[in-house]
Amino acid sequence: MKIALNLATHCIETEIRRLFQKAMADYFRADQTRRKALEPRLALLEESFKTFDFGVLRSRCPELAGGTRAAVFLQQHQEGRPLVRIVPL
């Protein structure tokens, strides 16, 4: 699972929260097949809230504070934990 994050106008925490809320809304409007497809995305986004200290992430990686043009992705690490990958442009 790999989720692209758009941090052009806001920070990583806001983007993950926005994506989670959208996925939840989609989940409750979807049929059973689509719900199954959304479950891994929702799980990764939810685990990010439990795992990340967003204040530390923003202070250590300025790209995660927003206003960046770098490509930023949220991925699931092999051990199941969320991982943020920054690809400078």
PDB file of N, CA and C in Angstrom:
ATOM      1  N   MET A   1       0.854  -1.181   0.000  1.00  0.00           N
ATOM      2  CA  MET A   1       0.000   0.000   0.000  1.00  0.00           C
ATOM      3  C   MET A   1       0.895   1.237   0.000  1.00  0.00           C
ATOM      4  N   LYS A   2       0.608   2.138  -0.918  1.00  0.00           N
ATOM      5  CA  LYS A   2       1.361   3.386  -1.053  1.00  0.00           C
ATOM      6  C   LYS A   2       0.356   4.493  -1.335  1.00  0.00           C
ATOM      7  N   ILE A   3       0.364   5.537  -0.503  1.00  0.00           N
ATOM      8  CA  ILE A   3      -0.583   6.642  -0.628  1.00  0.00           C
ATOM      9  C   ILE A   3       0.206   7.928  -0.867  1.00  0.00           C
ATOM     10  N   ALA A   4      -0.077   8.608  -1.960  1.00  0.00           N
ATOM     11  CA  ALA A   4       0.569   9.892  -2.252  1.00  0.00           C
ATOM     12  C   ALA A   4      -0.048  10.968  -1.360  1.00  0.00           C
ATOM     13  N   LEU A   5       0.825  11.793  -0.777  1.00  0.00           N
ATOM     14  CA  LEU A   5       0.380  12.892   0.083  1.00  0.00           C
ATOM     15  C   LEU A   5       0.659  14.215  -0.633  1.00  0.00           C
ATOM     16  N   ASN A   6      -0.326  15.090  -0.654  1.00  0.00           N
ATOM     17  CA  ASN A   6      -0.163  16.405  -1.260  1.00  0.00           C
ATOM     18  C   ASN A   6       0.096  17.410  -0.137  1.00  0.00           C
ATOM     19  N   LEU A   7       1.349  17.823  -0.004  1.00  0.00           N
ATOM     20  CA  LEU A   7       1.716  18.744   1.070  1.00  0.00           C
ATOM     21  C   LEU A   7       2.014  20.144   0.545  1.00  0.00           C
ATOM     22  N   ALA A   8       1.440  20.484  -0.592  1.00  0.00           N
ATOM     23  CA  ALA A   8       1.677  21.793  -1.188  1.00  0.00           C
ATOM     24  C   ALA A   8       1.086  22.922  -0.351  1.00  0.00           C
ATOM     25  N   THR A   9      -0.051  22.664   0.306  1.00  0.00           N
ATOM     26  CA  THR A   9      -0.719  23.751   1.026  1.00  0.00           C
ATOM     27  C   THR A   9      -0.933  23.488   2.506  1.00  0.00           C
ATOM     28  N   HIS A  10      -0.579  22.294   2.987  1.00  0.00           N
ATOM     29  CA  HIS A  10      -0.760  21.990   4.404  1.00  0.00           C
ATOM     30  C   HIS A  10       0.205  20.891   4.833  1.00  0.00           C
ATOM     31  N   CYS A  11       0.262  20.645   6.123  1.00  0.00           N
ATOM     32  CA  CYS A  11       1.238  19.702   6.692  1.00  0.00           C
ATOM     33  C   CYS A  11       0.764  18.251   6.575  1.00  0.00           C
ATOM     34  N   ILE A  12       1.655  17.361   6.930  1.00  0.00           N
ATOM     35  CA  ILE A  12       1.384  15.924   6.848  1.00  0.00           C
ATOM     36  C   ILE A  12       0.203  15.506   7.723  1.00  0.00           C
ATOM     37  N   GLU A  13       0.094  16.069   8.898  1.00  0.00           N
ATOM     38  CA  GLU A  13      -1.005  15.686   9.792  1.00  0.00           C
ATOM     39  C   GLU A  13      -2.357  16.053   9.182  1.00  0.00           C
ATOM     40  N   THR A  14      -2.457  17.245   8.640  1.00  0.00           N
ATOM     41  CA  THR A  14      -3.701  17.692   8.017  1.00  0.00           C
ATOM     42  C   THR A  14      -4.030  16.835   6.803  1.00  0.00           C
ATOM     43  N   GLU A  15      -3.024  16.507   6.003  1.00  0.00           N
ATOM     44  CA  GLU A  15      -3.257  15.696   4.806  1.00  0.00           C
ATOM     45  C   GLU A  15      -3.712  14.288   5.165  1.00  0.00           C
ATOM     46  N   ILE A  16      -3.080  13.675   6.144  1.00  0.00           N
ATOM     47  CA  ILE A  16      -3.481  12.326   6.546  1.00  0.00           C
ATOM     48  C   ILE A  16      -4.896  12.354   7.129  1.00  0.00           C
ATOM     49  N   ARG A  17      -5.204  13.365   7.910  1.00  0.00           N
ATOM     50  CA  ARG A  17      -6.559  13.493   8.472  1.00  0.00           C
ATOM     51  C   ARG A  17      -7.581  13.678   7.345  1.00  0.00           C
ATOM     52  N   ARG A  18      -7.260  14.511   6.363  1.00  0.00           N
ATOM     53  CA  ARG A  18      -8.150  14.760   5.229  1.00  0.00           C
ATOM     54  C   ARG A  18      -8.388  13.467   4.433  1.00  0.00           C
ATOM     55  N   LEU A  19      -7.323  12.726   4.166  1.00  0.00           N
ATOM     56  CA  LEU A  19      -7.445  11.472   3.417  1.00  0.00           C
ATOM     57  C   LEU A  19      -8.233  10.425   4.207  1.00  0.00           C
ATOM     58  N   PHE A  20      -8.035  10.386   5.511  1.00  0.00           N
ATOM     59  CA  PHE A  20      -8.767   9.442   6.352  1.00  0.00           C
ATOM     60  C   PHE A  20     -10.263   9.755   6.332  1.00  0.00           C
ATOM     61  N   GLN A  21     -10.613  11.026   6.485  1.00  0.00           N
ATOM     62  CA  GLN A  21     -12.024  11.417   6.473  1.00  0.00           C
ATOM     63  C   GLN A  21     -12.676  11.113   5.130  1.00  0.00           C
ATOM     64  N   LYS A  22     -11.954  11.346   4.033  1.00  0.00           N
ATOM     65  CA  LYS A  22     -12.492  11.041   2.713  1.00  0.00           C
ATOM     66  C   LYS A  22     -12.676   9.531   2.547  1.00  0.00           C
ATOM     67  N   ALA A  23     -11.697   8.751   2.965  1.00  0.00           N
ATOM     68  CA  ALA A  23     -11.798   7.292   2.845  1.00  0.00           C
ATOM     69  C   ALA A  23     -12.956   6.749   3.687  1.00  0.00           C
ATOM     70  N   MET A  24     -13.173   7.320   4.865  1.00  0.00           N
ATOM     71  CA  MET A  24     -14.294   6.891   5.708  1.00  0.00           C
ATOM     72  C   MET A  24     -15.631   7.211   5.036  1.00  0.00           C
ATOM     73  N   ALA A  25     -15.741   8.397   4.473  1.00  0.00           N
ATOM     74  CA  ALA A  25     -16.975   8.771   3.771  1.00  0.00           C
ATOM     75  C   ALA A  25     -17.210   7.843   2.584  1.00  0.00           C
ATOM     76  N   ASP A  26     -16.147   7.558   1.830  1.00  0.00           N
ATOM     77  CA  ASP A  26     -16.261   6.641   0.694  1.00  0.00           C
ATOM     78  C   ASP A  26     -16.658   5.247   1.166  1.00  0.00           C
ATOM     79  N   TYR A  27     -16.099   4.814   2.279  1.00  0.00           N
ATOM     80  CA  TYR A  27     -16.372   3.487   2.824  1.00  0.00           C
ATOM     81  C   TYR A  27     -17.861   3.311   3.125  1.00  0.00           C
ATOM     82  N   PHE A  28     -18.456   4.300   3.747  1.00  0.00           N
ATOM     83  CA  PHE A  28     -19.865   4.175   4.137  1.00  0.00           C
ATOM     84  C   PHE A  28     -20.833   4.361   2.972  1.00  0.00           C
ATOM     85  N   ARG A  29     -20.341   4.891   1.859  1.00  0.00           N
ATOM     86  CA  ARG A  29     -21.179   5.013   0.666  1.00  0.00           C
ATOM     87  C   ARG A  29     -20.997   3.835  -0.280  1.00  0.00           C
ATOM     88  N   ALA A  30     -19.974   3.032  -0.063  1.00  0.00           N
ATOM     89  CA  ALA A  30     -19.584   1.987  -1.015  1.00  0.00           C
ATOM     90  C   ALA A  30     -20.336   0.678  -0.801  1.00  0.00           C
ATOM     91  N   ASP A  31     -20.283  -0.139  -1.839  1.00  0.00           N
ATOM     92  CA  ASP A  31     -20.814  -1.495  -1.716  1.00  0.00           C
ATOM     93  C   ASP A  31     -19.768  -2.369  -1.024  1.00  0.00           C
ATOM     94  N   GLN A  32     -20.107  -3.610  -0.777  1.00  0.00           N
ATOM     95  CA  GLN A  32     -19.245  -4.513  -0.008  1.00  0.00           C
ATOM     96  C   GLN A  32     -17.871  -4.710  -0.662  1.00  0.00           C
ATOM     97  N   THR A  33     -17.839  -4.832  -1.978  1.00  0.00           N
ATOM     98  CA  THR A  33     -16.574  -5.045  -2.688  1.00  0.00           C
ATOM     99  C   THR A  33     -15.661  -3.836  -2.533  1.00  0.00           C
ATOM    100  N   ARG A  34     -16.193  -2.665  -2.709  1.00  0.00           N
ATOM    101  CA  ARG A  34     -15.400  -1.423  -2.588  1.00  0.00           C
ATOM    102  C   ARG A  34     -14.950  -1.221  -1.146  1.00  0.00           C
ATOM    103  N   ARG A  35     -15.794  -1.586  -0.190  1.00  0.00           N
ATOM    104  CA  ARG A  35     -15.408  -1.477   1.227  1.00  0.00           C
ATOM    105  C   ARG A  35     -14.176  -2.315   1.519  1.00  0.00           C
ATOM    106  N   LYS A  36     -14.152  -3.535   0.998  1.00  0.00           N
ATOM    107  CA  LYS A  36     -12.990  -4.415   1.205  1.00  0.00           C
ATOM    108  C   LYS A  36     -11.723  -3.780   0.639  1.00  0.00           C
ATOM    109  N   ALA A  37     -11.848  -3.106  -0.495  1.00  0.00           N
ATOM    110  CA  ALA A  37     -10.699  -2.458  -1.131  1.00  0.00           C
ATOM    111  C   ALA A  37     -10.211  -1.258  -0.316  1.00  0.00           C
ATOM    112  N   LEU A  38     -11.111  -0.573   0.374  1.00  0.00           N
ATOM    113  CA  LEU A  38     -10.749   0.603   1.161  1.00  0.00           C
ATOM    114  C   LEU A  38     -10.158   0.262   2.532  1.00  0.00           C
ATOM    115  N   GLU A  39     -10.408  -0.926   3.027  1.00  0.00           N
ATOM    116  CA  GLU A  39      -9.970  -1.283   4.377  1.00  0.00           C
ATOM    117  C   GLU A  39      -8.463  -1.176   4.594  1.00  0.00           C
ATOM    118  N   PRO A  40      -7.597  -1.634   3.680  1.00  0.00           N
ATOM    119  CA  PRO A  40      -6.156  -1.469   3.903  1.00  0.00           C
ATOM    120  C   PRO A  40      -5.728   0.005   3.952  1.00  0.00           C
ATOM    121  N   ARG A  41      -6.342   0.831   3.119  1.00  0.00           N
ATOM    122  CA  ARG A  41      -6.040   2.275   3.111  1.00  0.00           C
ATOM    123  C   ARG A  41      -6.424   2.894   4.452  1.00  0.00           C
ATOM    124  N   LEU A  42      -7.630   2.589   4.907  1.00  0.00           N
ATOM    125  CA  LEU A  42      -8.080   3.111   6.196  1.00  0.00           C
ATOM    126  C   LEU A  42      -7.179   2.640   7.337  1.00  0.00           C
ATOM    127  N   ALA A  43      -6.770   1.387   7.293  1.00  0.00           N
ATOM    128  CA  ALA A  43      -5.912   0.845   8.352  1.00  0.00           C
ATOM    129  C   ALA A  43      -4.562   1.549   8.382  1.00  0.00           C
ATOM    130  N   LEU A  44      -3.978   1.810   7.210  1.00  0.00           N
ATOM    131  CA  LEU A  44      -2.681   2.494   7.156  1.00  0.00           C
ATOM    132  C   LEU A  44      -2.801   3.933   7.661  1.00  0.00           C
ATOM    133  N   LEU A  45      -3.840   4.618   7.246  1.00  0.00           N
ATOM    134  CA  LEU A  45      -4.041   5.997   7.698  1.00  0.00           C
ATOM    135  C   LEU A  45      -4.282   6.048   9.210  1.00  0.00           C
ATOM    136  N   GLU A  46      -5.094   5.134   9.719  1.00  0.00           N
ATOM    137  CA  GLU A  46      -5.370   5.096  11.158  1.00  0.00           C
ATOM    138  C   GLU A  46      -4.105   4.762  11.951  1.00  0.00           C
ATOM    139  N   GLU A  47      -3.327   3.825  11.465  1.00  0.00           N
ATOM    140  CA  GLU A  47      -2.082   3.455  12.152  1.00  0.00           C
ATOM    141  C   GLU A  47      -1.105   4.623  12.179  1.00  0.00           C
ATOM    142  N   SER A  48      -1.146   5.463  11.176  1.00  0.00           N
ATOM    143  CA  SER A  48      -0.288   6.660  11.143  1.00  0.00           C
ATOM    144  C   SER A  48      -0.599   7.579  12.314  1.00  0.00           C
ATOM    145  N   PHE A  49      -1.884   7.753  12.620  1.00  0.00           N
ATOM    146  CA  PHE A  49      -2.269   8.588  13.759  1.00  0.00           C
ATOM    147  C   PHE A  49      -1.753   8.011  15.072  1.00  0.00           C
ATOM    148  N   LYS A  50      -1.752   6.697  15.182  1.00  0.00           N
ATOM    149  CA  LYS A  50      -1.305   6.042  16.411  1.00  0.00           C
ATOM    150  C   LYS A  50       0.217   6.051  16.555  1.00  0.00           C
ATOM    151  N   THR A  51       0.929   6.042  15.435  1.00  0.00           N
ATOM    152  CA  THR A  51       2.371   5.836  15.435  1.00  0.00           C
ATOM    153  C   THR A  51       3.177   7.129  15.397  1.00  0.00           C
ATOM    154  N   PHE A  52       2.781   8.054  14.535  1.00  0.00           N
ATOM    155  CA  PHE A  52       3.597   9.242  14.292  1.00  0.00           C
ATOM    156  C   PHE A  52       3.430  10.312  15.361  1.00  0.00           C
ATOM    157  N   ASP A  53       4.518  10.964  15.676  1.00  0.00           N
ATOM    158  CA  ASP A  53       4.506  12.203  16.452  1.00  0.00           C
ATOM    159  C   ASP A  53       4.657  13.304  15.407  1.00  0.00           C
ATOM    160  N   PHE A  54       3.552  13.884  14.986  1.00  0.00           N
ATOM    161  CA  PHE A  54       3.562  14.814  13.874  1.00  0.00           C
ATOM    162  C   PHE A  54       4.402  16.058  14.142  1.00  0.00           C
ATOM    163  N   GLY A  55       4.430  16.523  15.366  1.00  0.00           N
ATOM    164  CA  GLY A  55       5.256  17.676  15.702  1.00  0.00           C
ATOM    165  C   GLY A  55       6.729  17.395  15.454  1.00  0.00           C
ATOM    166  N   VAL A  56       7.176  16.234  15.845  1.00  0.00           N
ATOM    167  CA  VAL A  56       8.575  15.840  15.628  1.00  0.00           C
ATOM    168  C   VAL A  56       8.847  15.688  14.131  1.00  0.00           C
ATOM    169  N   LEU A  57       7.940  15.048  13.424  1.00  0.00           N
ATOM    170  CA  LEU A  57       8.127  14.881  11.977  1.00  0.00           C
ATOM    171  C   LEU A  57       8.262  16.230  11.276  1.00  0.00           C
ATOM    172  N   ARG A  58       7.396  17.180  11.611  1.00  0.00           N
ATOM    173  CA  ARG A  58       7.446  18.498  10.973  1.00  0.00           C
ATOM    174  C   ARG A  58       8.728  19.239  11.314  1.00  0.00           C
ATOM    175  N   SER A  59       9.199  19.085  12.540  1.00  0.00           N
ATOM    176  CA  SER A  59      10.410  19.815  12.934  1.00  0.00           C
ATOM    177  C   SER A  59      11.671  19.195  12.333  1.00  0.00           C
ATOM    178  N   ARG A  60      11.690  17.889  12.151  1.00  0.00           N
ATOM    179  CA  ARG A  60      12.873  17.214  11.601  1.00  0.00           C
ATOM    180  C   ARG A  60      12.919  17.227  10.080  1.00  0.00           C
ATOM    181  N   CYS A  61      11.765  17.259   9.452  1.00  0.00           N
ATOM    182  CA  CYS A  61      11.689  17.223   7.990  1.00  0.00           C
ATOM    183  C   CYS A  61      10.835  18.390   7.510  1.00  0.00           C
ATOM    184  N   PRO A  62      11.452  19.492   7.127  1.00  0.00           N
ATOM    185  CA  PRO A  62      10.679  20.673   6.715  1.00  0.00           C
ATOM    186  C   PRO A  62       9.692  20.393   5.584  1.00  0.00           C
ATOM    187  N   GLU A  63       9.977  19.387   4.768  1.00  0.00           N
ATOM    188  CA  GLU A  63       9.060  19.045   3.675  1.00  0.00           C
ATOM    189  C   GLU A  63       7.696  18.605   4.207  1.00  0.00           C
ATOM    190  N   LEU A  64       7.669  18.082   5.425  1.00  0.00           N
ATOM    191  CA  LEU A  64       6.421  17.579   5.998  1.00  0.00           C
ATOM    192  C   LEU A  64       5.593  18.666   6.685  1.00  0.00           C
ATOM    193  N   ALA A  65       6.158  19.875   6.766  1.00  0.00           N
ATOM    194  CA  ALA A  65       5.443  20.989   7.388  1.00  0.00           C
ATOM    195  C   ALA A  65       4.506  21.690   6.406  1.00  0.00           C
ATOM    196  N   GLY A  66       4.572  21.313   5.150  1.00  0.00           N
ATOM    197  CA  GLY A  66       3.708  21.914   4.143  1.00  0.00           C
ATOM    198  C   GLY A  66       4.463  22.892   3.263  1.00  0.00           C
ATOM    199  N   GLY A  67       3.845  23.241   2.152  1.00  0.00           N
ATOM    200  CA  GLY A  67       4.456  24.166   1.218  1.00  0.00           C
ATOM    201  C   GLY A  67       5.581  23.549   0.415  1.00  0.00           C
ATOM    202  N   THR A  68       5.580  22.242   0.273  1.00  0.00           N
ATOM    203  CA  THR A  68       6.649  21.568  -0.445  1.00  0.00           C
ATOM    204  C   THR A  68       6.177  21.083  -1.804  1.00  0.00           C
ATOM    205  N   ARG A  69       7.130  20.981  -2.724  1.00  0.00           N
ATOM    206  CA  ARG A  69       6.827  20.393  -4.024  1.00  0.00           C
ATOM    207  C   ARG A  69       7.397  18.988  -4.126  1.00  0.00           C
ATOM    208  N   ALA A  70       8.030  18.514  -3.065  1.00  0.00           N
ATOM    209  CA  ALA A  70       8.573  17.155  -3.065  1.00  0.00           C
ATOM    210  C   ALA A  70       7.431  16.143  -3.130  1.00  0.00           C
ATOM    211  N   ALA A  71       7.713  15.011  -3.716  1.00  0.00           N
ATOM    212  CA  ALA A  71       6.739  13.917  -3.725  1.00  0.00           C
ATOM    213  C   ALA A  71       6.846  13.203  -2.376  1.00  0.00           C
ATOM    214  N   VAL A  72       5.740  13.100  -1.671  1.00  0.00           N
ATOM    215  CA  VAL A  72       5.720  12.473  -0.345  1.00  0.00           C
ATOM    216  C   VAL A  72       4.703  11.336  -0.377  1.00  0.00           C
ATOM    217  N   PHE A  73       5.130  10.186   0.146  1.00  0.00           N
ATOM    218  CA  PHE A  73       4.275   9.006   0.138  1.00  0.00           C
ATOM    219  C   PHE A  73       4.191   8.403   1.530  1.00  0.00           C
ATOM    220  N   LEU A  74       3.033   7.884   1.849  1.00  0.00           N
ATOM    221  CA  LEU A  74       2.814   7.110   3.061  1.00  0.00           C
ATOM    222  C   LEU A  74       2.743   5.656   2.616  1.00  0.00           C
ATOM    223  N   GLN A  75       3.583   4.825   3.206  1.00  0.00           N
ATOM    224  CA  GLN A  75       3.646   3.421   2.831  1.00  0.00           C
ATOM    225  C   GLN A  75       3.568   2.559   4.067  1.00  0.00           C
ATOM    226  N   GLN A  76       3.280   1.303   3.847  1.00  0.00           N
ATOM    227  CA  GLN A  76       3.294   0.348   4.943  1.00  0.00           C
ATOM    228  C   GLN A  76       4.635  -0.371   4.922  1.00  0.00           C
ATOM    229  N   HIS A  77       5.370  -0.263   6.021  1.00  0.00           N
ATOM    230  CA  HIS A  77       6.653  -0.938   6.160  1.00  0.00           C
ATOM    231  C   HIS A  77       6.416  -2.439   6.208  1.00  0.00           C
ATOM    232  N   GLN A  78       7.439  -3.208   5.913  1.00  0.00           N
ATOM    233  CA  GLN A  78       7.312  -4.669   5.924  1.00  0.00           C
ATOM    234  C   GLN A  78       6.787  -5.190   7.251  1.00  0.00           C
ATOM    235  N   GLU A  79       7.106  -4.520   8.325  1.00  0.00           N
ATOM    236  CA  GLU A  79       6.658  -4.952   9.656  1.00  0.00           C
ATOM    237  C   GLU A  79       5.262  -4.440   9.993  1.00  0.00           C
ATOM    238  N   GLY A  80       4.605  -3.790   9.046  1.00  0.00           N
ATOM    239  CA  GLY A  80       3.247  -3.319   9.253  1.00  0.00           C
ATOM    240  C   GLY A  80       3.131  -1.885   9.735  1.00  0.00           C
ATOM    241  N   ARG A  81       4.261  -1.297  10.122  1.00  0.00           N
ATOM    242  CA  ARG A  81       4.226   0.090  10.596  1.00  0.00           C
ATOM    243  C   ARG A  81       4.183   1.067   9.411  1.00  0.00           C
ATOM    244  N   PRO A  82       3.609   2.247   9.610  1.00  0.00           N
ATOM    245  CA  PRO A  82       3.609   3.238   8.539  1.00  0.00           C
ATOM    246  C   PRO A  82       5.009   3.845   8.357  1.00  0.00           C
ATOM    247  N   LEU A  83       5.287   4.257   7.143  1.00  0.00           N
ATOM    248  CA  LEU A  83       6.575   4.819   6.771  1.00  0.00           C
ATOM    249  C   LEU A  83       6.309   5.987   5.840  1.00  0.00           C
ATOM    250  N   VAL A  84       7.032   7.088   6.038  1.00  0.00           N
ATOM    251  CA  VAL A  84       6.914   8.249   5.151  1.00  0.00           C
ATOM    252  C   VAL A  84       8.147   8.274   4.264  1.00  0.00           C
ATOM    253  N   ARG A  85       7.923   8.391   2.970  1.00  0.00           N
ATOM    254  CA  ARG A  85       9.022   8.468   2.006  1.00  0.00           C
ATOM    255  C   ARG A  85       8.936   9.825   1.286  1.00  0.00           C
ATOM    256  N   ILE A  86      10.050  10.543   1.295  1.00  0.00           N
ATOM    257  CA  ILE A  86      10.125  11.859   0.629  1.00  0.00           C
ATOM    258  C   ILE A  86      11.045  11.721  -0.579  1.00  0.00           C
ATOM    259  N   VAL A  87      10.539  12.119  -1.737  1.00  0.00           N
ATOM    260  CA  VAL A  87      11.324  12.077  -2.964  1.00  0.00           C
ATOM    261  C   VAL A  87      11.471  13.530  -3.445  1.00  0.00           C
ATOM    262  N   PRO A  88      12.664  14.112  -3.266  1.00  0.00           N
ATOM    263  CA  PRO A  88      12.867  15.491  -3.695  1.00  0.00           C
ATOM    264  C   PRO A  88      12.684  15.630  -5.213  1.00  0.00           C
ATOM    265  N   LEU A  89      12.138  16.756  -5.633  1.00  0.00           N
ATOM    266  CA  LEU A  89      11.961  17.003  -7.070  1.00  0.00           C
ATOM    267  C   LEU A  89      13.082  17.835  -7.615  1.00  0.00           C
TER     268      LEU A  89
END
